[in-house]
Amino acid sequence: MLNLMKLEMKRVNTRGMLLTFLLINGGIIGLFLLVCLDAEAAAEFYSSTSHLMLLIEVFVMAAFVIYASVLLSTLIIDEFKNKTITVLYMYSIERRKILMAKLLIVSGITFFSFLISSVLVYYSLYFLNSLIELTPVTLTFVLSLKDMAHLLLTAIATTGISLIPLFFGMMKYSVPATITSSVLLIAVLSSVLNSGVNLFTFIGIPITLGIIGFTIAYLVIKKAVRKDF
């Protein structure tokens, strides 16, 4: 399995992935700094460490779910669309292992990117706040166990959510459908309700969607083992 994953990783543009990672984090930090131009908005955004972490998680989740859909398109959807997946099937390697390796790569990149980015953005804002006082609220250097537990749960949920676009993409082996569905999914999750909160605030919703995403991945692998798509 590790050898398969190493082979698949060669298809991923590592430099491009690193650049995307840096641009995403830079963009998110920039958005938070722009908020500081409005004192009232800054007071709301930086009301507490927990609230700031939640907002960071929303932005990071949105960015990497969409990026994961691009990876899914490259590693899976395109191969079924162009029939190049059949070349891999000619080798004495189980179909299940081939697809599992691809999905593990996407899942691993999403999971660790989410965790690292969330922490990176938070501490960037923490140090900037200590230098230029973005907000009168004192941000804590050490995250609480509750915040860390929420971050880990959200990382797992985000990994599952990132696999949901696979369902739409595999219908007609469509790259646009894969990416568009991820954008729509994020739009729904981030939409603000009448109470002023979004669906992402209720941790049960991301977790449920995450389970759905992992289930979709399982069904895709199961179908691939039985027959060609």
Protein backbone atom coordinates (compact mmCIF):
# COMPACT_ATOMS: atom_id res chain seq x y z
CA MET A 1 0.00 0.00 0.00
CA LEU A 2 2.81 2.42 0.88
CA ASN A 3 4.52 1.72 -2.45
CA LEU A 4 1.26 2.42 -4.26
CA MET A 5 0.86 5.68 -2.37
CA LYS A 6 4.43 6.68 -3.25
CA LEU A 7 3.72 6.02 -6.93
CA GLU A 8 0.50 8.03 -6.80
CA MET A 9 2.22 10.89 -4.98
CA LYS A 10 4.53 11.27 -7.99
CA ARG A 11 1.46 12.40 -9.93
CA VAL A 12 0.87 15.17 -7.42
CA ASN A 13 2.68 18.43 -8.11
CA THR A 14 4.41 18.79 -4.75
CA ARG A 15 5.67 22.30 -5.45
CA GLY A 16 2.24 23.35 -6.62
CA MET A 17 0.69 21.80 -3.53
CA LEU A 18 3.10 23.65 -1.24
CA LEU A 19 2.45 26.92 -3.07
CA THR A 20 -1.30 26.37 -2.77
CA PHE A 21 -0.89 25.67 0.94
CA LEU A 22 1.03 28.92 1.46
CA LEU A 23 -1.41 30.96 -0.64
CA ILE A 24 -4.40 29.58 1.24
CA ASN A 25 -2.88 30.40 4.61
CA GLY A 26 -1.71 33.81 3.46
CA GLY A 27 -5.16 34.56 2.07
CA ILE A 28 -6.94 33.54 5.27
CA ILE A 29 -4.57 35.60 7.44
CA GLY A 30 -5.09 38.52 5.07
CA LEU A 31 -8.88 38.25 5.40
CA PHE A 32 -8.66 38.35 9.18
CA LEU A 33 -6.38 41.39 9.02
CA LEU A 34 -8.85 43.16 6.71
CA VAL A 35 -11.55 42.63 9.31
CA CYS A 36 -9.43 44.64 11.74
CA LEU A 37 -10.01 47.76 9.64
CA ASP A 38 -13.50 47.81 11.14
CA ALA A 39 -13.35 48.06 14.94
CA GLU A 40 -16.82 46.56 15.47
CA ALA A 41 -16.15 43.64 13.14
CA ALA A 42 -12.79 43.05 14.81
CA ALA A 43 -14.41 42.98 18.26
CA GLU A 44 -16.87 40.34 17.00
CA PHE A 45 -14.26 38.22 15.21
CA TYR A 46 -11.77 38.31 18.07
CA SER A 47 -14.28 38.05 20.90
CA SER A 48 -12.52 35.01 22.37
CA THR A 49 -9.95 32.36 21.57
CA SER A 50 -12.63 29.71 21.02
CA HIS A 51 -14.63 31.94 18.68
CA LEU A 52 -11.53 32.83 16.69
CA MET A 53 -10.59 29.15 16.36
CA LEU A 54 -14.09 28.34 15.10
CA LEU A 55 -13.86 31.03 12.43
CA ILE A 56 -10.41 29.84 11.40
CA GLU A 57 -11.71 26.28 11.10
CA VAL A 58 -14.55 27.44 8.84
CA PHE A 59 -12.19 29.24 6.45
CA VAL A 60 -9.58 26.47 6.44
CA MET A 61 -12.21 23.77 5.96
CA ALA A 62 -13.71 25.65 3.01
CA ALA A 63 -10.34 26.07 1.30
CA PHE A 64 -9.13 22.50 1.67
CA VAL A 65 -12.42 20.78 0.85
CA ILE A 66 -12.33 22.61 -2.49
CA TYR A 67 -8.64 21.80 -2.94
CA ALA A 68 -9.38 18.14 -2.16
CA SER A 69 -11.93 18.11 -4.98
CA VAL A 70 -9.15 19.18 -7.35
CA LEU A 71 -6.97 16.31 -6.10
CA LEU A 72 -9.87 13.86 -6.49
CA SER A 73 -10.33 15.09 -10.05
CA THR A 74 -6.65 14.58 -10.85
CA LEU A 75 -6.11 11.21 -9.17
CA ILE A 76 -9.47 9.52 -9.76
CA ILE A 77 -12.07 11.26 -11.93
CA ASP A 78 -9.70 11.99 -14.84
CA GLU A 79 -8.44 8.41 -14.86
CA PHE A 80 -11.94 6.98 -15.18
CA LYS A 81 -12.90 9.61 -17.73
CA ASN A 82 -9.85 8.93 -19.92
CA LYS A 83 -9.93 5.16 -19.24
CA THR A 84 -6.33 5.25 -18.01
CA ILE A 85 -7.47 3.49 -14.84
CA THR A 86 -7.83 0.30 -16.92
CA VAL A 87 -4.06 0.29 -17.46
CA LEU A 88 -3.54 0.03 -13.71
CA TYR A 89 -6.10 -2.76 -13.55
CA MET A 90 -3.93 -4.82 -15.93
CA TYR A 91 -1.27 -5.17 -13.23
CA SER A 92 -1.52 -7.84 -10.57
CA ILE A 93 -2.70 -5.31 -8.00
CA GLU A 94 -6.13 -5.38 -6.42
CA ARG A 95 -8.45 -2.63 -7.62
CA ARG A 96 -9.38 -2.02 -4.02
CA LYS A 97 -5.76 -1.24 -3.12
CA ILE A 98 -5.32 1.09 -6.10
CA LEU A 99 -8.33 3.22 -5.21
CA MET A 100 -7.60 2.99 -1.50
CA ALA A 101 -4.12 4.41 -2.10
CA LYS A 102 -5.56 7.34 -4.05
CA LEU A 103 -8.18 8.11 -1.41
CA LEU A 104 -5.67 7.81 1.43
CA ILE A 105 -3.47 10.39 -0.28
CA VAL A 106 -6.34 12.87 -0.66
CA SER A 107 -7.55 12.18 2.88
CA GLY A 108 -4.07 12.49 4.37
CA ILE A 109 -3.34 15.76 2.59
CA THR A 110 -6.70 17.20 3.67
CA PHE A 111 -6.37 16.07 7.30
CA PHE A 112 -2.85 17.33 7.91
CA SER A 113 -3.33 20.50 5.85
CA PHE A 114 -6.38 21.36 7.94
CA LEU A 115 -4.60 20.79 11.24
CA ILE A 116 -1.39 22.58 10.30
CA SER A 117 -3.18 25.50 8.66
CA SER A 118 -5.57 26.04 11.57
CA VAL A 119 -2.70 26.15 14.04
CA LEU A 120 -0.52 28.26 11.73
CA VAL A 121 -3.24 30.85 11.12
CA TYR A 122 -4.15 31.06 14.81
CA TYR A 123 -0.58 31.60 16.01
CA SER A 124 0.12 34.06 13.20
CA LEU A 125 -2.83 36.12 14.42
CA TYR A 126 -1.75 35.61 18.02
CA PHE A 127 1.72 37.05 17.40
CA LEU A 128 0.38 39.85 15.21
CA ASN A 129 -2.11 40.72 17.93
CA SER A 130 0.70 40.93 20.48
CA LEU A 131 2.55 43.36 18.20
CA ILE A 132 -0.16 45.64 16.81
CA GLU A 133 -3.20 44.94 19.02
CA LEU A 134 -5.71 43.66 16.51
CA THR A 135 -8.22 43.38 19.33
CA PRO A 136 -8.44 44.33 23.01
CA VAL A 137 -9.23 40.69 23.79
CA THR A 138 -6.19 38.73 24.97
CA LEU A 139 -5.68 35.60 22.89
CA THR A 140 -4.23 32.67 24.82
CA PHE A 141 -0.97 31.08 23.69
CA VAL A 142 -1.97 27.59 24.85
CA LEU A 143 -5.22 26.31 23.38
CA SER A 144 -7.65 24.70 25.81
CA LEU A 145 -8.29 20.96 25.71
CA LYS A 146 -11.80 21.75 24.48
CA ASP A 147 -10.45 23.78 21.55
CA MET A 148 -7.88 21.10 20.68
CA ALA A 149 -10.50 18.34 20.84
CA HIS A 150 -12.82 20.39 18.63
CA LEU A 151 -9.97 21.01 16.19
CA LEU A 152 -9.17 17.30 15.94
CA LEU A 153 -12.83 16.31 15.50
CA THR A 154 -13.26 18.97 12.84
CA ALA A 155 -10.14 17.78 11.02
CA ILE A 156 -11.56 14.25 10.83
CA ALA A 157 -14.97 15.59 9.76
CA THR A 158 -13.37 17.81 7.11
CA THR A 159 -11.49 14.82 5.73
CA GLY A 160 -14.77 12.95 5.31
CA ILE A 161 -16.57 15.98 3.86
CA SER A 162 -13.81 16.37 1.26
CA LEU A 163 -14.77 12.95 -0.15
CA ILE A 164 -18.46 13.82 -0.77
CA PRO A 165 -17.75 15.49 -4.18
CA LEU A 166 -16.48 12.09 -5.33
CA PHE A 167 -20.12 10.93 -5.48
CA PHE A 168 -21.09 13.65 -7.95
CA GLY A 169 -17.89 13.40 -9.95
CA MET A 170 -18.18 9.64 -10.48
CA MET A 171 -21.70 9.92 -11.91
CA LYS A 172 -20.41 11.00 -15.32
CA TYR A 173 -16.70 11.19 -14.58
CA SER A 174 -17.03 14.96 -14.53
CA VAL A 175 -14.28 17.21 -13.17
CA PRO A 176 -16.52 20.33 -13.19
CA ALA A 177 -19.20 18.43 -11.23
CA THR A 178 -16.62 17.36 -8.65
CA ILE A 179 -15.31 20.85 -8.04
CA THR A 180 -18.69 22.60 -8.31
CA SER A 181 -20.27 20.23 -5.79
CA SER A 182 -17.48 20.99 -3.30
CA VAL A 183 -18.10 24.74 -3.69
CA LEU A 184 -21.86 24.31 -3.22
CA LEU A 185 -21.26 22.09 -0.19
CA ILE A 186 -19.10 24.77 1.41
CA ALA A 187 -21.65 27.45 0.55
CA VAL A 188 -24.37 25.51 2.38
CA LEU A 189 -22.19 24.76 5.41
CA SER A 190 -21.06 28.37 5.67
CA SER A 191 -24.47 29.94 5.10
CA VAL A 192 -25.63 32.11 7.98
CA LEU A 193 -28.91 31.25 9.68
CA ASN A 194 -31.38 33.73 11.19
CA SER A 195 -29.70 33.31 14.57
CA GLY A 196 -26.44 34.64 13.12
CA VAL A 197 -24.60 31.30 13.18
CA ASN A 198 -23.80 28.87 10.38
CA LEU A 199 -24.33 25.13 10.07
CA PHE A 200 -20.65 24.52 10.75
CA THR A 201 -21.20 25.82 14.28
CA PHE A 202 -23.16 22.69 15.16
CA ILE A 203 -20.39 20.08 15.34
CA GLY A 204 -22.88 17.27 14.77
CA ILE A 205 -23.51 18.46 11.20
CA PRO A 206 -19.86 18.35 10.00
CA ILE A 207 -19.41 14.99 11.74
CA THR A 208 -22.52 13.58 10.04
CA LEU A 209 -21.36 14.86 6.65
CA GLY A 210 -17.93 13.42 7.35
CA ILE A 211 -19.43 9.99 7.96
CA ILE A 212 -21.38 10.33 4.70
CA GLY A 213 -18.14 11.17 2.90
CA PHE A 214 -16.30 8.13 4.25
CA THR A 215 -19.31 5.97 3.32
CA ILE A 216 -19.22 7.32 -0.24
CA ALA A 217 -15.52 6.47 -0.48
CA TYR A 218 -16.26 2.93 0.72
CA LEU A 219 -19.05 2.49 -1.84
CA VAL A 220 -16.86 3.78 -4.67
CA ILE A 221 -14.16 1.26 -3.79
CA LYS A 222 -16.73 -1.52 -3.44
CA LYS A 223 -18.20 -0.76 -6.86
CA ALA A 224 -14.75 -0.64 -8.46
CA VAL A 225 -13.96 -4.10 -7.12
CA ARG A 226 -17.13 -5.56 -8.66
CA LYS A 227 -17.00 -3.97 -12.09
CA ASP A 228 -15.74 -1.08 -14.18
CA PHE A 229 -17.55 2.21 -13.82
